[in-house]
Amino acid sequence: MSQKTFLAGMKEVPTGHEELFWEMDKDRSGYITIDELDEMLKKNGYKLTKAEVEAKFAGMDKNKDGKVSYDEYLKAMGAMPAVVHRQAFYRRKFGRYDINKDGVITVDELQKVFKAIGASENIDYAKEVFRKCDKDGTGKLEYEEFIKFFCME
């Protein structure tokens, strides 16, 4: 995998709304419940309080029947600002790269990620990416440093 390919993959933010709906709809009823929505949002990197989830659910449930249909869901997800989806995407990426789940990414973790995605020939590049991201020089990437680097336009 080339350096350009790696960075291009980081900047592409897939939405996958259709797939997420069907993942949430565990009982295959064609509707999602507030609990299914809450679980999936958390799993996919969205950071919302219970009240925020309830408000989102109420906003999606246009006919107020206590469940969200596929159509209601797709309309609501399309209405969410792209930045919300982008933040969730990068939060998921950060979580995957933070192998030991301590809230930071080390150069060793980044190298393991490069190896896992088939880019082991680019270990030096991993170190370069890490150095560019680690603005405070702590040897660890905090989420904010990670986001600032990968969200550069």
N, C-alpha and C. Protein backbone atom coordinates (compact mmCIF):
# COMPACT_ATOMS: atom_id res chain seq x y z
N MET A 1 0.86 -1.18 0.00
CA MET A 1 0.00 0.00 0.00
C MET A 1 0.90 1.23 0.00
N SER A 2 0.64 2.14 -0.89
CA SER A 2 1.45 3.33 -0.98
C SER A 2 1.05 4.35 0.09
N GLN A 3 1.93 5.30 0.31
CA GLN A 3 1.65 6.36 1.27
C GLN A 3 0.43 7.16 0.85
N LYS A 4 0.33 7.45 -0.45
CA LYS A 4 -0.82 8.21 -0.96
C LYS A 4 -2.11 7.43 -0.74
N THR A 5 -2.08 6.12 -0.97
CA THR A 5 -3.27 5.29 -0.80
C THR A 5 -3.71 5.31 0.65
N PHE A 6 -2.76 5.19 1.58
CA PHE A 6 -3.09 5.20 3.00
C PHE A 6 -3.78 6.51 3.38
N LEU A 7 -3.19 7.63 3.01
CA LEU A 7 -3.78 8.93 3.37
C LEU A 7 -5.10 9.15 2.65
N ALA A 8 -5.21 8.73 1.41
CA ALA A 8 -6.48 8.89 0.69
C ALA A 8 -7.57 8.11 1.40
N GLY A 9 -7.26 6.91 1.87
CA GLY A 9 -8.23 6.11 2.59
C GLY A 9 -8.66 6.75 3.89
N MET A 10 -7.77 7.49 4.51
CA MET A 10 -8.10 8.16 5.76
C MET A 10 -9.01 9.36 5.52
N LYS A 11 -8.92 9.97 4.37
CA LYS A 11 -9.71 11.17 4.12
C LYS A 11 -11.07 10.87 3.52
N GLU A 12 -11.27 9.64 3.01
CA GLU A 12 -12.58 9.25 2.50
C GLU A 12 -13.46 8.88 3.68
N VAL A 13 -14.61 9.49 3.77
CA VAL A 13 -15.50 9.23 4.89
C VAL A 13 -16.77 8.58 4.37
N PRO A 14 -16.80 7.24 4.42
CA PRO A 14 -18.01 6.58 3.96
C PRO A 14 -19.14 6.78 4.95
N THR A 15 -20.33 6.88 4.47
CA THR A 15 -21.45 7.04 5.39
C THR A 15 -22.04 5.70 5.74
N GLY A 16 -22.34 4.85 4.76
CA GLY A 16 -22.85 3.52 5.04
C GLY A 16 -24.17 3.51 5.79
N HIS A 17 -24.99 4.53 5.55
CA HIS A 17 -26.25 4.63 6.30
C HIS A 17 -27.14 3.41 6.12
N GLU A 18 -27.21 2.90 4.91
CA GLU A 18 -28.08 1.76 4.65
C GLU A 18 -27.64 0.55 5.46
N GLU A 19 -26.33 0.27 5.42
CA GLU A 19 -25.81 -0.87 6.16
C GLU A 19 -26.02 -0.71 7.66
N LEU A 20 -25.82 0.51 8.15
CA LEU A 20 -26.01 0.75 9.58
C LEU A 20 -27.45 0.49 10.01
N PHE A 21 -28.39 0.90 9.18
CA PHE A 21 -29.79 0.67 9.54
C PHE A 21 -30.04 -0.81 9.73
N TRP A 22 -29.58 -1.62 8.78
CA TRP A 22 -29.86 -3.06 8.86
C TRP A 22 -29.07 -3.73 9.96
N GLU A 23 -27.93 -3.17 10.33
CA GLU A 23 -27.20 -3.67 11.51
C GLU A 23 -27.99 -3.36 12.78
N MET A 24 -28.57 -2.18 12.83
CA MET A 24 -29.34 -1.78 14.02
C MET A 24 -30.61 -2.60 14.16
N ASP A 25 -31.27 -2.88 13.06
CA ASP A 25 -32.56 -3.56 13.08
C ASP A 25 -32.34 -5.05 13.34
N LYS A 26 -31.99 -5.37 14.57
CA LYS A 26 -31.61 -6.74 14.93
C LYS A 26 -32.73 -7.75 14.73
N ASP A 27 -33.97 -7.33 14.95
CA ASP A 27 -35.09 -8.26 14.82
C ASP A 27 -35.68 -8.28 13.41
N ARG A 28 -35.07 -7.51 12.49
CA ARG A 28 -35.48 -7.44 11.09
C ARG A 28 -36.96 -7.04 10.92
N SER A 29 -37.39 -6.15 11.78
CA SER A 29 -38.77 -5.67 11.72
C SER A 29 -38.97 -4.58 10.67
N GLY A 30 -37.86 -4.01 10.19
CA GLY A 30 -37.97 -2.89 9.26
C GLY A 30 -38.02 -1.56 9.98
N TYR A 31 -37.87 -1.61 11.30
CA TYR A 31 -37.88 -0.42 12.14
C TYR A 31 -36.76 -0.53 13.16
N ILE A 32 -36.29 0.63 13.64
CA ILE A 32 -35.33 0.61 14.75
C ILE A 32 -35.96 1.27 15.96
N THR A 33 -35.52 0.78 17.12
CA THR A 33 -35.98 1.33 18.39
C THR A 33 -34.93 2.31 18.90
N ILE A 34 -35.28 3.03 19.92
CA ILE A 34 -34.33 3.98 20.50
C ILE A 34 -33.12 3.25 21.07
N ASP A 35 -33.33 2.07 21.66
CA ASP A 35 -32.21 1.31 22.21
C ASP A 35 -31.27 0.82 21.10
N GLU A 36 -31.84 0.38 19.98
CA GLU A 36 -31.01 -0.05 18.85
C GLU A 36 -30.22 1.12 18.30
N LEU A 37 -30.85 2.28 18.21
CA LEU A 37 -30.16 3.48 17.73
C LEU A 37 -29.02 3.86 18.67
N ASP A 38 -29.29 3.90 19.95
CA ASP A 38 -28.28 4.28 20.95
C ASP A 38 -27.08 3.35 20.88
N GLU A 39 -27.32 2.06 20.83
CA GLU A 39 -26.23 1.07 20.77
C GLU A 39 -25.37 1.25 19.53
N MET A 40 -26.02 1.44 18.38
CA MET A 40 -25.26 1.55 17.14
C MET A 40 -24.50 2.87 17.04
N LEU A 41 -25.09 3.95 17.51
CA LEU A 41 -24.37 5.23 17.48
C LEU A 41 -23.09 5.14 18.30
N LYS A 42 -23.18 4.57 19.48
CA LYS A 42 -21.99 4.43 20.33
C LYS A 42 -20.95 3.53 19.66
N LYS A 43 -21.41 2.42 19.11
CA LYS A 43 -20.52 1.47 18.46
C LYS A 43 -19.78 2.10 17.28
N ASN A 44 -20.41 3.06 16.63
CA ASN A 44 -19.83 3.67 15.44
C ASN A 44 -19.20 5.03 15.67
N GLY A 45 -18.90 5.34 16.91
CA GLY A 45 -18.08 6.51 17.20
C GLY A 45 -18.82 7.80 17.45
N TYR A 46 -20.13 7.77 17.48
CA TYR A 46 -20.88 8.99 17.78
C TYR A 46 -20.93 9.16 19.29
N LYS A 47 -20.62 10.36 19.75
CA LYS A 47 -20.62 10.63 21.19
C LYS A 47 -21.83 11.50 21.52
N LEU A 48 -22.90 10.85 21.97
CA LEU A 48 -24.12 11.56 22.31
C LEU A 48 -24.59 11.14 23.70
N THR A 49 -25.17 12.08 24.42
CA THR A 49 -25.77 11.75 25.71
C THR A 49 -27.09 11.04 25.46
N LYS A 50 -27.64 10.45 26.50
CA LYS A 50 -28.95 9.78 26.38
C LYS A 50 -30.00 10.77 25.90
N ALA A 51 -29.96 11.99 26.45
CA ALA A 51 -30.93 13.02 26.04
C ALA A 51 -30.77 13.38 24.56
N GLU A 52 -29.52 13.44 24.09
CA GLU A 52 -29.28 13.75 22.68
C GLU A 52 -29.78 12.61 21.77
N VAL A 53 -29.58 11.37 22.22
CA VAL A 53 -30.08 10.23 21.44
C VAL A 53 -31.60 10.28 21.39
N GLU A 54 -32.23 10.57 22.53
CA GLU A 54 -33.69 10.66 22.57
C GLU A 54 -34.19 11.76 21.64
N ALA A 55 -33.49 12.89 21.63
CA ALA A 55 -33.89 13.99 20.75
C ALA A 55 -33.71 13.61 19.28
N LYS A 56 -32.60 12.95 18.95
CA LYS A 56 -32.37 12.50 17.56
C LYS A 56 -33.46 11.52 17.15
N PHE A 57 -33.75 10.58 18.05
CA PHE A 57 -34.77 9.58 17.74
C PHE A 57 -36.12 10.26 17.49
N ALA A 58 -36.49 11.16 18.38
CA ALA A 58 -37.76 11.88 18.22
C ALA A 58 -37.79 12.65 16.91
N GLY A 59 -36.65 13.24 16.52
CA GLY A 59 -36.57 13.97 15.27
C GLY A 59 -36.69 13.07 14.05
N MET A 60 -36.24 11.83 14.18
CA MET A 60 -36.34 10.88 13.06
C MET A 60 -37.74 10.28 12.96
N ASP A 61 -38.36 10.09 14.09
CA ASP A 61 -39.67 9.42 14.16
C ASP A 61 -40.77 10.42 13.76
N LYS A 62 -40.84 10.69 12.47
CA LYS A 62 -41.73 11.74 11.97
C LYS A 62 -43.21 11.46 12.24
N ASN A 63 -43.61 10.20 12.18
CA ASN A 63 -45.03 9.90 12.42
C ASN A 63 -45.33 9.59 13.89
N LYS A 64 -44.32 9.73 14.74
CA LYS A 64 -44.46 9.61 16.20
C LYS A 64 -45.07 8.27 16.63
N ASP A 65 -44.65 7.18 15.97
CA ASP A 65 -45.16 5.86 16.35
C ASP A 65 -44.21 5.10 17.27
N GLY A 66 -43.14 5.77 17.71
CA GLY A 66 -42.21 5.14 18.66
C GLY A 66 -41.19 4.23 18.01
N LYS A 67 -41.11 4.28 16.69
CA LYS A 67 -40.11 3.51 15.96
C LYS A 67 -39.73 4.30 14.71
N VAL A 68 -38.55 4.00 14.20
CA VAL A 68 -38.04 4.72 13.04
C VAL A 68 -37.96 3.75 11.87
N SER A 69 -38.65 4.08 10.79
CA SER A 69 -38.61 3.24 9.60
C SER A 69 -37.32 3.50 8.82
N TYR A 70 -37.06 2.65 7.86
CA TYR A 70 -35.90 2.78 6.99
C TYR A 70 -35.89 4.15 6.31
N ASP A 71 -37.02 4.55 5.75
CA ASP A 71 -37.11 5.84 5.07
C ASP A 71 -36.90 7.01 6.02
N GLU A 72 -37.50 6.94 7.20
CA GLU A 72 -37.32 8.01 8.19
C GLU A 72 -35.84 8.13 8.56
N TYR A 73 -35.19 6.99 8.75
CA TYR A 73 -33.78 6.96 9.13
C TYR A 73 -32.90 7.59 8.05
N LEU A 74 -33.09 7.16 6.80
CA LEU A 74 -32.26 7.69 5.72
C LEU A 74 -32.44 9.20 5.55
N LYS A 75 -33.66 9.68 5.66
CA LYS A 75 -33.89 11.12 5.56
C LYS A 75 -33.18 11.86 6.69
N ALA A 76 -33.26 11.32 7.89
CA ALA A 76 -32.63 11.98 9.05
C ALA A 76 -31.11 11.96 8.95
N MET A 77 -30.54 10.85 8.52
CA MET A 77 -29.08 10.77 8.42
C MET A 77 -28.56 11.71 7.34
N GLY A 78 -29.31 11.86 6.27
CA GLY A 78 -28.91 12.79 5.23
C GLY A 78 -28.98 14.23 5.70
N ALA A 79 -29.81 14.50 6.69
CA ALA A 79 -29.97 15.85 7.21
C ALA A 79 -28.88 16.21 8.23
N MET A 80 -28.18 15.19 8.75
CA MET A 80 -27.12 15.48 9.72
C MET A 80 -25.95 16.13 9.00
N PRO A 81 -25.33 17.12 9.60
CA PRO A 81 -24.18 17.76 8.96
C PRO A 81 -23.06 16.76 8.69
N ALA A 82 -22.40 16.90 7.57
CA ALA A 82 -21.31 15.99 7.20
C ALA A 82 -20.23 15.93 8.27
N VAL A 83 -20.01 17.03 8.97
CA VAL A 83 -18.97 17.06 9.99
C VAL A 83 -19.26 16.05 11.10
N VAL A 84 -20.51 15.81 11.41
CA VAL A 84 -20.87 14.83 12.45
C VAL A 84 -20.45 13.43 12.01
N HIS A 85 -20.72 13.10 10.75
CA HIS A 85 -20.32 11.79 10.23
C HIS A 85 -18.81 11.68 10.16
N ARG A 86 -18.15 12.74 9.76
CA ARG A 86 -16.69 12.74 9.67
C ARG A 86 -16.07 12.53 11.05
N GLN A 87 -16.58 13.21 12.05
CA GLN A 87 -16.05 13.04 13.41
C GLN A 87 -16.22 11.60 13.89
N ALA A 88 -17.37 11.03 13.64
CA ALA A 88 -17.62 9.64 14.05
C ALA A 88 -16.67 8.69 13.32
N PHE A 89 -16.46 8.93 12.03
CA PHE A 89 -15.56 8.10 11.24
C PHE A 89 -14.16 8.11 11.84
N TYR A 90 -13.64 9.30 12.14
CA TYR A 90 -12.29 9.39 12.69
C TYR A 90 -12.21 8.90 14.13
N ARG A 91 -13.27 9.03 14.88
CA ARG A 91 -13.29 8.49 16.25
C ARG A 91 -13.17 6.97 16.19
N ARG A 92 -13.88 6.35 15.24
CA ARG A 92 -13.76 4.89 15.05
C ARG A 92 -12.34 4.51 14.65
N LYS A 93 -11.77 5.25 13.70
CA LYS A 93 -10.39 4.97 13.27
C LYS A 93 -9.43 5.08 14.44
N PHE A 94 -9.56 6.16 15.20
CA PHE A 94 -8.68 6.36 16.34
C PHE A 94 -8.81 5.19 17.30
N GLY A 95 -10.05 4.77 17.57
CA GLY A 95 -10.28 3.65 18.48
C GLY A 95 -9.65 2.36 18.00
N ARG A 96 -9.65 2.14 16.69
CA ARG A 96 -9.01 0.94 16.14
C ARG A 96 -7.50 1.00 16.24
N TYR A 97 -6.94 2.19 16.09
CA TYR A 97 -5.49 2.33 16.14
C TYR A 97 -4.97 2.34 17.57
N ASP A 98 -5.81 2.72 18.50
CA ASP A 98 -5.44 2.71 19.93
C ASP A 98 -5.61 1.29 20.45
N ILE A 99 -4.66 0.46 20.11
CA ILE A 99 -4.76 -0.99 20.34
C ILE A 99 -4.98 -1.33 21.81
N ASN A 100 -4.28 -0.67 22.72
CA ASN A 100 -4.42 -1.02 24.14
C ASN A 100 -5.52 -0.20 24.83
N LYS A 101 -6.21 0.63 24.08
CA LYS A 101 -7.37 1.39 24.56
C LYS A 101 -7.05 2.31 25.76
N ASP A 102 -5.86 2.92 25.71
CA ASP A 102 -5.49 3.85 26.78
C ASP A 102 -5.78 5.31 26.43
N GLY A 103 -6.40 5.54 25.27
CA GLY A 103 -6.78 6.89 24.90
C GLY A 103 -5.75 7.65 24.09
N VAL A 104 -4.63 7.01 23.78
CA VAL A 104 -3.59 7.61 22.96
C VAL A 104 -3.05 6.55 22.00
N ILE A 105 -2.41 7.01 20.94
CA ILE A 105 -1.78 6.10 19.98
C ILE A 105 -0.28 6.31 20.08
N THR A 106 0.46 5.20 20.22
CA THR A 106 1.92 5.28 20.24
C THR A 106 2.45 4.94 18.85
N VAL A 107 3.72 5.21 18.63
CA VAL A 107 4.33 4.87 17.35
C VAL A 107 4.29 3.36 17.14
N ASP A 108 4.45 2.59 18.21
CA ASP A 108 4.37 1.12 18.09
C ASP A 108 2.99 0.69 17.61
N GLU A 109 1.94 1.30 18.16
CA GLU A 109 0.59 0.97 17.73
C GLU A 109 0.38 1.34 16.26
N LEU A 110 0.88 2.49 15.85
CA LEU A 110 0.73 2.91 14.46
C LEU A 110 1.48 1.96 13.53
N GLN A 111 2.66 1.51 13.96
CA GLN A 111 3.41 0.55 13.14
C GLN A 111 2.64 -0.77 13.02
N LYS A 112 2.01 -1.22 14.10
CA LYS A 112 1.22 -2.45 14.06
C LYS A 112 0.04 -2.29 13.10
N VAL A 113 -0.57 -1.12 13.09
CA VAL A 113 -1.67 -0.86 12.17
C VAL A 113 -1.16 -0.93 10.73
N PHE A 114 -0.03 -0.30 10.46
CA PHE A 114 0.53 -0.33 9.11
C PHE A 114 0.79 -1.77 8.69
N LYS A 115 1.32 -2.59 9.59
CA LYS A 115 1.57 -4.00 9.26
C LYS A 115 0.25 -4.71 8.99
N ALA A 116 -0.75 -4.46 9.82
CA ALA A 116 -2.04 -5.14 9.70
C ALA A 116 -2.76 -4.80 8.40
N ILE A 117 -2.55 -3.60 7.89
CA ILE A 117 -3.23 -3.21 6.64
C ILE A 117 -2.36 -3.48 5.41
N GLY A 118 -1.26 -4.20 5.63
CA GLY A 118 -0.42 -4.58 4.51
C GLY A 118 0.51 -3.50 4.04
N ALA A 119 0.85 -2.59 4.92
CA ALA A 119 1.75 -1.50 4.55
C ALA A 119 3.05 -1.58 5.33
N SER A 120 3.50 -2.80 5.64
CA SER A 120 4.69 -2.95 6.47
C SER A 120 5.94 -2.39 5.79
N GLU A 121 5.91 -2.29 4.46
CA GLU A 121 7.05 -1.69 3.77
C GLU A 121 7.14 -0.19 4.03
N ASN A 122 6.10 0.35 4.63
CA ASN A 122 6.06 1.79 4.89
C ASN A 122 6.22 2.14 6.38
N ILE A 123 6.95 1.32 7.12
CA ILE A 123 7.13 1.58 8.54
C ILE A 123 7.80 2.94 8.76
N ASP A 124 8.76 3.27 7.93
CA ASP A 124 9.40 4.59 8.06
C ASP A 124 8.38 5.69 7.83
N TYR A 125 7.48 5.45 6.89
CA TYR A 125 6.41 6.42 6.65
C TYR A 125 5.50 6.53 7.87
N ALA A 126 5.21 5.41 8.53
CA ALA A 126 4.39 5.43 9.75
C ALA A 126 5.05 6.33 10.79
N LYS A 127 6.35 6.20 10.92
CA LYS A 127 7.07 7.03 11.89
C LYS A 127 6.99 8.50 11.49
N GLU A 128 7.08 8.78 10.19
CA GLU A 128 6.98 10.16 9.71
C GLU A 128 5.58 10.74 9.98
N VAL A 129 4.55 9.94 9.69
CA VAL A 129 3.17 10.37 9.97
C VAL A 129 3.02 10.66 11.45
N PHE A 130 3.52 9.77 12.26
CA PHE A 130 3.42 9.92 13.71
C PHE A 130 4.10 11.23 14.15
N ARG A 131 5.31 11.45 13.67
CA ARG A 131 6.07 12.65 14.05
C ARG A 131 5.30 13.92 13.66
N LYS A 132 4.69 13.91 12.46
CA LYS A 132 3.92 15.07 12.02
C LYS A 132 2.68 15.30 12.87
N CYS A 133 2.08 14.22 13.30
CA CYS A 133 0.86 14.32 14.12
C CYS A 133 1.15 14.76 15.54
N ASP A 134 2.26 14.28 16.09
CA ASP A 134 2.59 14.49 17.51
C ASP A 134 3.12 15.91 17.72
N LYS A 135 2.21 16.86 17.65
CA LYS A 135 2.59 18.28 17.72
C LYS A 135 3.20 18.66 19.06
N ASP A 136 2.77 18.03 20.16
CA ASP A 136 3.30 18.41 21.47
C ASP A 136 4.54 17.61 21.86
N GLY A 137 4.97 16.68 21.01
CA GLY A 137 6.21 15.94 21.22
C GLY A 137 6.20 14.97 22.39
N THR A 138 5.03 14.50 22.79
CA THR A 138 4.95 13.59 23.95
C THR A 138 5.26 12.15 23.60
N GLY A 139 5.31 11.84 22.30
CA GLY A 139 5.50 10.45 21.90
C GLY A 139 4.20 9.68 21.87
N LYS A 140 3.10 10.41 22.06
CA LYS A 140 1.77 9.80 22.04
C LYS A 140 0.84 10.73 21.27
N LEU A 141 -0.05 10.14 20.47
CA LEU A 141 -1.03 10.95 19.75
C LEU A 141 -2.34 10.96 20.52
N GLU A 142 -2.71 12.14 20.94
CA GLU A 142 -4.03 12.30 21.54
C GLU A 142 -5.03 12.42 20.39
N TYR A 143 -6.29 12.22 20.70
CA TYR A 143 -7.33 12.25 19.68
C TYR A 143 -7.30 13.58 18.91
N GLU A 144 -7.12 14.69 19.61
CA GLU A 144 -7.14 16.00 18.95
C GLU A 144 -6.02 16.12 17.93
N GLU A 145 -4.82 15.60 18.25
CA GLU A 145 -3.71 15.65 17.30
C GLU A 145 -4.03 14.79 16.08
N PHE A 146 -4.59 13.63 16.32
CA PHE A 146 -4.96 12.71 15.25
C PHE A 146 -5.96 13.38 14.31
N ILE A 147 -6.97 13.99 14.87
CA ILE A 147 -8.02 14.65 14.08
C ILE A 147 -7.44 15.82 13.28
N LYS A 148 -6.65 16.64 13.92
CA LYS A 148 -6.08 17.80 13.22
C LYS A 148 -5.26 17.37 12.01
N PHE A 149 -4.52 16.28 12.15
CA PHE A 149 -3.69 15.82 11.03
C PHE A 149 -4.56 15.26 9.90
N PHE A 150 -5.48 14.36 10.22
CA PHE A 150 -6.22 13.68 9.18
C PHE A 150 -7.38 14.48 8.62
N CYS A 151 -7.79 15.51 9.29
CA CYS A 151 -8.88 16.34 8.77
C CYS A 151 -8.37 17.52 7.97
N MET A 152 -7.06 17.60 7.79
CA MET A 152 -6.51 18.67 6.95
C MET A 152 -7.06 18.52 5.55
N GLU A 153 -7.41 19.60 4.98
CA GLU A 153 -7.93 19.56 3.59
C GLU A 153 -6.77 19.71 2.63
